N, C-alpha and C. Protein backbone atom coordinates (compact mmCIF):
# COMPACT_ATOMS: atom_id res chain seq x y z
N MET A 1 9.01 109.44 -49.05
CA MET A 1 10.30 109.69 -49.67
C MET A 1 11.18 110.54 -48.76
N LYS A 2 10.90 111.85 -48.72
CA LYS A 2 11.69 112.73 -47.88
C LYS A 2 10.78 113.46 -46.91
N LYS A 3 11.28 113.70 -45.71
CA LYS A 3 10.51 114.41 -44.69
C LYS A 3 11.21 115.72 -44.36
N PHE A 4 10.38 116.76 -44.15
CA PHE A 4 10.90 118.08 -43.85
C PHE A 4 10.12 118.67 -42.69
N LYS A 5 10.73 119.62 -41.96
CA LYS A 5 10.05 120.37 -40.90
C LYS A 5 10.19 121.84 -41.27
N PHE A 6 9.06 122.54 -41.30
CA PHE A 6 9.03 123.95 -41.65
C PHE A 6 8.47 124.75 -40.48
N THR A 7 8.92 125.99 -40.35
CA THR A 7 8.31 126.94 -39.43
C THR A 7 7.95 128.16 -40.26
N ILE A 8 6.65 128.42 -40.37
CA ILE A 8 6.17 129.56 -41.16
C ILE A 8 5.33 130.43 -40.24
N ASN A 9 5.71 131.70 -40.07
CA ASN A 9 5.04 132.65 -39.19
C ASN A 9 4.87 132.07 -37.78
N GLY A 10 5.88 131.36 -37.29
CA GLY A 10 5.86 130.81 -35.94
C GLY A 10 5.12 129.49 -35.83
N ASN A 11 4.48 129.01 -36.89
CA ASN A 11 3.77 127.72 -36.86
C ASN A 11 4.67 126.64 -37.45
N GLN A 12 4.68 125.46 -36.80
CA GLN A 12 5.50 124.35 -37.28
C GLN A 12 4.68 123.44 -38.17
N TYR A 13 5.33 122.98 -39.25
CA TYR A 13 4.67 122.07 -40.19
C TYR A 13 5.61 120.88 -40.45
N ASP A 14 5.02 119.68 -40.44
CA ASP A 14 5.75 118.47 -40.84
C ASP A 14 5.30 118.13 -42.25
N ALA A 15 6.23 118.10 -43.18
CA ALA A 15 5.88 117.82 -44.58
C ALA A 15 6.65 116.59 -45.05
N GLU A 16 5.95 115.81 -45.89
CA GLU A 16 6.55 114.61 -46.46
C GLU A 16 6.21 114.56 -47.94
N ILE A 17 7.23 114.39 -48.77
CA ILE A 17 6.99 114.22 -50.21
C ILE A 17 6.74 112.74 -50.43
N ALA A 18 5.50 112.39 -50.78
CA ALA A 18 5.11 110.99 -50.92
C ALA A 18 5.46 110.45 -52.31
N ASN A 19 5.23 111.27 -53.35
CA ASN A 19 5.43 110.76 -54.70
C ASN A 19 5.67 111.93 -55.65
N ILE A 20 6.54 111.73 -56.63
CA ILE A 20 6.77 112.74 -57.66
C ILE A 20 6.71 112.04 -59.01
N GLU A 21 5.85 112.53 -59.89
CA GLU A 21 5.77 112.03 -61.26
C GLU A 21 5.72 113.24 -62.17
N ASP A 22 6.65 113.28 -63.11
CA ASP A 22 6.78 114.42 -64.02
C ASP A 22 6.85 115.70 -63.19
N ASN A 23 5.87 116.63 -63.38
CA ASN A 23 5.91 117.86 -62.59
C ASN A 23 4.77 117.92 -61.56
N ASN A 24 4.20 116.76 -61.20
CA ASN A 24 3.16 116.66 -60.17
C ASN A 24 3.74 115.96 -58.94
N ALA A 25 3.53 116.58 -57.79
CA ALA A 25 4.04 116.00 -56.55
C ALA A 25 2.90 115.79 -55.58
N GLU A 26 2.98 114.70 -54.82
CA GLU A 26 2.01 114.41 -53.78
C GLU A 26 2.70 114.69 -52.45
N ILE A 27 2.22 115.71 -51.73
CA ILE A 27 2.87 116.14 -50.50
C ILE A 27 1.88 116.03 -49.34
N ILE A 28 2.36 115.53 -48.20
CA ILE A 28 1.52 115.41 -47.01
C ILE A 28 2.05 116.41 -45.98
N VAL A 29 1.21 117.37 -45.60
CA VAL A 29 1.59 118.40 -44.63
C VAL A 29 0.71 118.25 -43.40
N ASN A 30 1.30 117.98 -42.24
CA ASN A 30 0.59 117.76 -40.98
C ASN A 30 -0.55 116.77 -41.16
N GLY A 31 -0.33 115.70 -41.93
CA GLY A 31 -1.31 114.64 -42.12
C GLY A 31 -2.32 114.89 -43.22
N VAL A 32 -2.29 116.05 -43.88
CA VAL A 32 -3.23 116.37 -44.96
C VAL A 32 -2.49 116.24 -46.29
N LYS A 33 -3.12 115.48 -47.23
CA LYS A 33 -2.49 115.22 -48.53
C LYS A 33 -2.83 116.33 -49.51
N TYR A 34 -1.79 116.82 -50.22
CA TYR A 34 -1.96 117.86 -51.23
C TYR A 34 -1.31 117.40 -52.53
N ASN A 35 -1.98 117.69 -53.65
CA ASN A 35 -1.39 117.47 -54.97
C ASN A 35 -0.88 118.82 -55.46
N VAL A 36 0.41 118.87 -55.72
CA VAL A 36 1.06 120.14 -56.07
C VAL A 36 1.65 120.02 -57.46
N GLU A 37 1.43 121.05 -58.28
CA GLU A 37 2.05 121.09 -59.60
C GLU A 37 3.30 121.96 -59.50
N VAL A 38 4.43 121.40 -59.88
CA VAL A 38 5.71 122.09 -59.76
C VAL A 38 6.05 122.68 -61.11
N GLN A 39 6.60 123.91 -61.11
CA GLN A 39 6.91 124.59 -62.36
C GLN A 39 8.08 123.95 -63.11
N ILE A 40 9.00 123.33 -62.41
CA ILE A 40 10.12 122.65 -63.08
C ILE A 40 9.82 121.16 -63.11
N ASN A 41 10.29 120.51 -64.16
CA ASN A 41 10.08 119.07 -64.28
C ASN A 41 10.98 118.35 -63.28
N MET A 42 10.39 117.68 -62.29
CA MET A 42 11.16 116.98 -61.25
C MET A 42 11.03 115.48 -61.45
N GLN A 43 12.06 114.80 -61.05
CA GLN A 43 12.04 113.34 -61.15
C GLN A 43 12.43 112.77 -59.79
N ALA A 44 11.90 111.61 -59.51
CA ALA A 44 12.23 110.95 -58.25
C ALA A 44 13.71 110.60 -58.26
N ALA A 45 14.32 110.67 -57.08
CA ALA A 45 15.74 110.33 -56.96
C ALA A 45 15.92 108.85 -57.26
N LYS A 46 16.88 108.55 -58.07
CA LYS A 46 17.14 107.16 -58.43
C LYS A 46 18.45 106.73 -57.79
N THR A 47 18.46 105.50 -57.38
CA THR A 47 19.69 104.93 -56.85
C THR A 47 20.61 104.62 -58.02
N PRO A 48 21.85 105.08 -57.97
CA PRO A 48 22.76 104.81 -59.09
C PRO A 48 22.99 103.31 -59.24
N LYS A 49 23.09 102.90 -60.47
CA LYS A 49 23.33 101.50 -60.76
C LYS A 49 24.81 101.28 -61.00
N LEU A 50 25.32 100.19 -60.44
CA LEU A 50 26.72 99.84 -60.64
C LEU A 50 26.86 99.16 -62.00
N VAL A 51 27.68 99.74 -62.83
CA VAL A 51 27.89 99.18 -64.16
C VAL A 51 29.34 98.74 -64.23
N ARG A 52 29.53 97.47 -64.48
CA ARG A 52 30.89 96.93 -64.58
C ARG A 52 31.21 96.65 -66.03
N SER A 53 32.40 97.02 -66.41
CA SER A 53 32.81 96.73 -67.78
C SER A 53 33.12 95.25 -67.91
N VAL A 54 32.97 94.75 -69.10
CA VAL A 54 33.22 93.35 -69.35
C VAL A 54 34.72 93.10 -69.24
N SER A 55 35.12 92.14 -68.44
CA SER A 55 36.54 91.86 -68.30
C SER A 55 36.97 90.92 -69.42
N VAL A 56 38.07 91.28 -70.03
CA VAL A 56 38.60 90.49 -71.13
C VAL A 56 39.89 89.86 -70.64
N PRO A 57 40.01 88.53 -70.75
CA PRO A 57 41.24 87.90 -70.26
C PRO A 57 42.43 88.36 -71.08
N SER A 58 43.54 88.57 -70.38
CA SER A 58 44.74 88.99 -71.08
C SER A 58 45.35 87.81 -71.82
N THR A 59 46.00 88.10 -72.90
CA THR A 59 46.65 87.05 -73.67
C THR A 59 48.12 87.37 -73.77
N ASP A 60 48.90 86.34 -73.93
CA ASP A 60 50.34 86.56 -74.06
C ASP A 60 50.64 87.20 -75.40
N VAL A 61 51.54 88.17 -75.39
CA VAL A 61 51.94 88.83 -76.61
C VAL A 61 52.78 87.89 -77.46
N HIS A 62 53.60 87.10 -76.79
CA HIS A 62 54.43 86.13 -77.50
C HIS A 62 54.34 84.80 -76.79
N PRO A 63 54.55 83.71 -77.51
CA PRO A 63 54.42 82.39 -76.88
C PRO A 63 55.43 82.21 -75.75
N SER A 64 55.02 81.48 -74.73
CA SER A 64 55.92 81.25 -73.60
C SER A 64 57.04 80.29 -73.98
N VAL A 65 58.14 80.44 -73.29
CA VAL A 65 59.31 79.61 -73.54
C VAL A 65 59.47 78.66 -72.36
N ALA A 66 59.66 77.39 -72.63
CA ALA A 66 59.82 76.41 -71.57
C ALA A 66 61.08 76.71 -70.78
N LYS A 67 60.99 76.68 -69.45
CA LYS A 67 62.13 76.98 -68.59
C LYS A 67 62.93 75.71 -68.27
N THR A 68 62.27 74.59 -68.31
CA THR A 68 62.95 73.32 -68.04
C THR A 68 62.48 72.30 -69.07
N ARG A 69 63.16 71.20 -69.12
CA ARG A 69 62.78 70.14 -70.05
C ARG A 69 61.69 69.28 -69.43
N SER A 70 60.94 68.61 -70.28
CA SER A 70 59.93 67.70 -69.76
C SER A 70 60.62 66.44 -69.26
N PRO A 71 60.02 65.71 -68.32
CA PRO A 71 60.65 64.52 -67.76
C PRO A 71 60.94 63.44 -68.81
N SER A 72 60.18 63.43 -69.90
CA SER A 72 60.41 62.41 -70.92
C SER A 72 61.48 62.82 -71.93
N ALA A 73 61.96 64.06 -71.87
CA ALA A 73 62.99 64.52 -72.80
C ALA A 73 64.31 63.82 -72.50
N PRO A 74 65.18 63.71 -73.51
CA PRO A 74 66.47 63.07 -73.27
C PRO A 74 67.27 63.80 -72.21
N LYS A 75 67.91 63.04 -71.35
CA LYS A 75 68.68 63.63 -70.25
C LYS A 75 70.11 63.89 -70.72
N GLY A 76 70.75 64.81 -70.06
CA GLY A 76 72.13 65.12 -70.41
C GLY A 76 72.46 66.51 -69.92
N GLY A 77 73.54 67.06 -70.42
CA GLY A 77 74.00 68.37 -69.98
C GLY A 77 73.01 69.46 -70.31
N GLY A 78 73.17 70.58 -69.64
CA GLY A 78 72.31 71.73 -69.88
C GLY A 78 72.33 72.68 -68.71
N ASN A 79 71.37 73.57 -68.71
CA ASN A 79 71.29 74.60 -67.68
C ASN A 79 70.19 74.30 -66.68
N ILE A 80 70.44 74.63 -65.44
CA ILE A 80 69.40 74.62 -64.42
C ILE A 80 69.00 76.08 -64.26
N GLN A 81 67.72 76.39 -64.52
CA GLN A 81 67.24 77.76 -64.48
C GLN A 81 66.32 77.96 -63.28
N SER A 82 66.23 79.21 -62.86
CA SER A 82 65.35 79.56 -61.74
C SER A 82 63.89 79.45 -62.19
N PRO A 83 63.07 78.69 -61.47
CA PRO A 83 61.67 78.57 -61.86
C PRO A 83 60.83 79.79 -61.50
N LEU A 84 61.32 80.65 -60.58
CA LEU A 84 60.60 81.84 -60.17
C LEU A 84 61.56 82.82 -59.52
N PRO A 85 61.21 84.09 -59.40
CA PRO A 85 62.09 85.08 -58.77
C PRO A 85 62.28 84.77 -57.29
N GLY A 86 63.47 85.02 -56.78
CA GLY A 86 63.72 84.78 -55.37
C GLY A 86 65.16 85.08 -54.99
N VAL A 87 65.56 84.57 -53.82
CA VAL A 87 66.92 84.76 -53.29
C VAL A 87 67.50 83.39 -52.98
N ILE A 88 68.75 83.19 -53.37
CA ILE A 88 69.41 81.91 -53.11
C ILE A 88 69.82 81.86 -51.65
N LEU A 89 69.29 80.85 -50.92
CA LEU A 89 69.61 80.70 -49.50
C LEU A 89 70.83 79.81 -49.29
N ASP A 90 70.97 78.76 -50.12
CA ASP A 90 72.06 77.81 -49.91
C ASP A 90 72.37 77.10 -51.22
N ILE A 91 73.66 76.88 -51.49
CA ILE A 91 74.09 76.11 -52.65
C ILE A 91 74.71 74.82 -52.10
N LEU A 92 74.17 73.68 -52.53
CA LEU A 92 74.53 72.39 -51.94
C LEU A 92 75.54 71.61 -52.77
N VAL A 93 76.02 72.15 -53.90
CA VAL A 93 77.00 71.47 -54.75
C VAL A 93 78.14 72.43 -55.06
N ASN A 94 79.23 71.88 -55.56
CA ASN A 94 80.40 72.68 -55.95
C ASN A 94 80.75 72.36 -57.40
N VAL A 95 81.53 73.25 -58.03
CA VAL A 95 82.00 73.00 -59.39
C VAL A 95 82.84 71.72 -59.38
N GLY A 96 82.56 70.84 -60.35
CA GLY A 96 83.28 69.57 -60.46
C GLY A 96 82.54 68.39 -59.85
N ASP A 97 81.51 68.65 -59.03
CA ASP A 97 80.74 67.56 -58.43
C ASP A 97 79.94 66.84 -59.52
N THR A 98 79.74 65.54 -59.33
CA THR A 98 78.87 64.75 -60.21
C THR A 98 77.50 64.66 -59.54
N VAL A 99 76.45 64.96 -60.31
CA VAL A 99 75.10 64.95 -59.76
C VAL A 99 74.23 63.94 -60.48
N LYS A 100 73.20 63.48 -59.79
CA LYS A 100 72.23 62.54 -60.35
C LYS A 100 70.90 63.27 -60.54
N ILE A 101 70.03 62.66 -61.31
CA ILE A 101 68.70 63.21 -61.51
C ILE A 101 67.97 63.19 -60.16
N GLY A 102 67.35 64.33 -59.80
CA GLY A 102 66.59 64.43 -58.56
C GLY A 102 67.43 64.88 -57.38
N GLN A 103 68.75 65.04 -57.55
CA GLN A 103 69.60 65.48 -56.45
C GLN A 103 69.36 66.97 -56.19
N ARG A 104 69.25 67.33 -54.92
CA ARG A 104 69.01 68.72 -54.54
C ARG A 104 70.29 69.53 -54.78
N LEU A 105 70.15 70.63 -55.55
CA LEU A 105 71.30 71.45 -55.91
C LEU A 105 71.40 72.72 -55.08
N LEU A 106 70.26 73.37 -54.87
CA LEU A 106 70.28 74.60 -54.09
C LEU A 106 68.90 74.87 -53.50
N VAL A 107 68.86 75.82 -52.58
CA VAL A 107 67.60 76.21 -51.93
C VAL A 107 67.33 77.67 -52.32
N LEU A 108 66.12 77.92 -52.83
CA LEU A 108 65.72 79.24 -53.30
C LEU A 108 64.54 79.72 -52.47
N GLU A 109 64.67 80.92 -51.88
CA GLU A 109 63.54 81.49 -51.15
C GLU A 109 62.74 82.36 -52.11
N ALA A 110 61.45 82.03 -52.23
CA ALA A 110 60.57 82.81 -53.08
C ALA A 110 59.22 82.92 -52.38
N MET A 111 58.68 84.13 -52.30
CA MET A 111 57.40 84.39 -51.64
C MET A 111 57.38 83.85 -50.21
N LYS A 112 58.47 84.05 -49.50
CA LYS A 112 58.64 83.64 -48.10
C LYS A 112 58.55 82.13 -47.90
N MET A 113 58.87 81.38 -48.94
CA MET A 113 58.89 79.92 -48.83
C MET A 113 60.22 79.42 -49.39
N GLU A 114 60.73 78.35 -48.80
CA GLU A 114 61.96 77.74 -49.28
C GLU A 114 61.60 76.70 -50.34
N ASN A 115 62.27 76.79 -51.50
CA ASN A 115 62.03 75.87 -52.60
C ASN A 115 63.32 75.13 -52.91
N ASN A 116 63.26 73.81 -52.93
CA ASN A 116 64.42 73.01 -53.29
C ASN A 116 64.50 72.94 -54.81
N ILE A 117 65.66 73.28 -55.35
CA ILE A 117 65.88 73.17 -56.80
C ILE A 117 66.70 71.90 -57.01
N GLU A 118 66.09 70.96 -57.74
CA GLU A 118 66.71 69.66 -57.96
C GLU A 118 67.18 69.53 -59.39
N SER A 119 68.14 68.66 -59.60
CA SER A 119 68.68 68.43 -60.93
C SER A 119 67.70 67.59 -61.75
N ASP A 120 67.47 68.00 -63.00
CA ASP A 120 66.63 67.22 -63.89
C ASP A 120 67.49 66.47 -64.92
N LYS A 121 68.80 66.45 -64.65
CA LYS A 121 69.73 65.76 -65.53
C LYS A 121 70.93 65.25 -64.72
N ALA A 122 71.58 64.26 -65.23
CA ALA A 122 72.79 63.73 -64.58
C ALA A 122 74.01 64.31 -65.28
N GLY A 123 75.07 64.50 -64.54
CA GLY A 123 76.30 65.02 -65.15
C GLY A 123 77.21 65.67 -64.13
N LYS A 124 78.18 66.41 -64.66
CA LYS A 124 79.19 67.07 -63.84
C LYS A 124 78.90 68.58 -63.84
N ILE A 125 79.03 69.21 -62.67
CA ILE A 125 78.79 70.65 -62.55
C ILE A 125 79.93 71.40 -63.24
N LEU A 126 79.61 72.14 -64.32
CA LEU A 126 80.62 72.94 -65.02
C LEU A 126 80.80 74.30 -64.37
N SER A 127 79.66 74.95 -64.02
CA SER A 127 79.77 76.28 -63.40
C SER A 127 78.53 76.56 -62.56
N ILE A 128 78.74 77.42 -61.59
CA ILE A 128 77.64 77.90 -60.75
C ILE A 128 77.58 79.41 -60.97
N SER A 129 76.49 79.88 -61.56
CA SER A 129 76.38 81.28 -61.99
C SER A 129 76.06 82.26 -60.87
N LYS A 130 75.46 81.78 -59.82
CA LYS A 130 75.05 82.67 -58.73
C LYS A 130 75.68 82.23 -57.42
N GLN A 131 75.65 83.13 -56.44
CA GLN A 131 76.20 82.83 -55.12
C GLN A 131 75.10 82.92 -54.07
N LYS A 132 75.40 82.40 -52.88
CA LYS A 132 74.46 82.47 -51.77
C LYS A 132 74.14 83.94 -51.49
N GLY A 133 72.83 84.25 -51.37
CA GLY A 133 72.39 85.62 -51.09
C GLY A 133 72.03 86.41 -52.34
N ASP A 134 72.34 85.90 -53.53
CA ASP A 134 72.02 86.61 -54.77
C ASP A 134 70.52 86.56 -55.06
N SER A 135 70.00 87.65 -55.61
CA SER A 135 68.61 87.68 -56.08
C SER A 135 68.60 87.19 -57.52
N VAL A 136 67.60 86.38 -57.85
CA VAL A 136 67.49 85.85 -59.20
C VAL A 136 66.09 86.11 -59.74
N MET A 137 65.99 86.18 -61.04
CA MET A 137 64.70 86.35 -61.71
C MET A 137 64.32 85.01 -62.35
N GLU A 138 63.06 84.87 -62.70
CA GLU A 138 62.58 83.66 -63.35
C GLU A 138 63.35 83.46 -64.65
N GLY A 139 63.90 82.25 -64.86
CA GLY A 139 64.60 81.93 -66.10
C GLY A 139 66.11 82.19 -66.03
N ASP A 140 66.60 82.82 -64.94
CA ASP A 140 68.06 83.02 -64.81
C ASP A 140 68.76 81.68 -64.73
N ILE A 141 69.92 81.57 -65.38
CA ILE A 141 70.70 80.34 -65.31
C ILE A 141 71.42 80.31 -63.96
N LEU A 142 71.20 79.22 -63.23
CA LEU A 142 71.80 79.07 -61.91
C LEU A 142 73.04 78.18 -61.97
N ILE A 143 72.89 77.03 -62.62
CA ILE A 143 73.97 76.04 -62.67
C ILE A 143 74.04 75.47 -64.09
N VAL A 144 75.27 75.25 -64.57
CA VAL A 144 75.46 74.60 -65.88
C VAL A 144 76.00 73.21 -65.62
N ILE A 145 75.33 72.20 -66.20
CA ILE A 145 75.74 70.80 -66.03
C ILE A 145 76.25 70.28 -67.37
N GLU A 146 77.40 69.55 -67.32
CA GLU A 146 78.02 68.99 -68.52
C GLU A 146 77.29 67.76 -68.98
């Protein structure tokens, strides 16, 4: 277990604690084994055990709200919202332009990647809520289509 070096009255001793159970210890001094009774109750050193708490998956406090329409939903006017937080790098349409489904409207930089935001509806651009260089959050309205 543990090794020690002692000097007593000028004599050197090599001691090793071989085993400890309750208050009895087995000690080897210069190769000779001794059984020693210790006055205090000693226990062998234990390696600490790693205890991990049970992880509980987080749940939403309130139901999520859809940011865009499903592809099978009826097409028509509405809002184009930001799918994730980022910065607008380029706006490719102007107010009054007519757009088709799938037409690229703007470029959004998010997490150091450029994301093309495309129209999911056909119609005329009524307003553009943000400008080039603006920071946007998830769900912000970017463009309103008639």
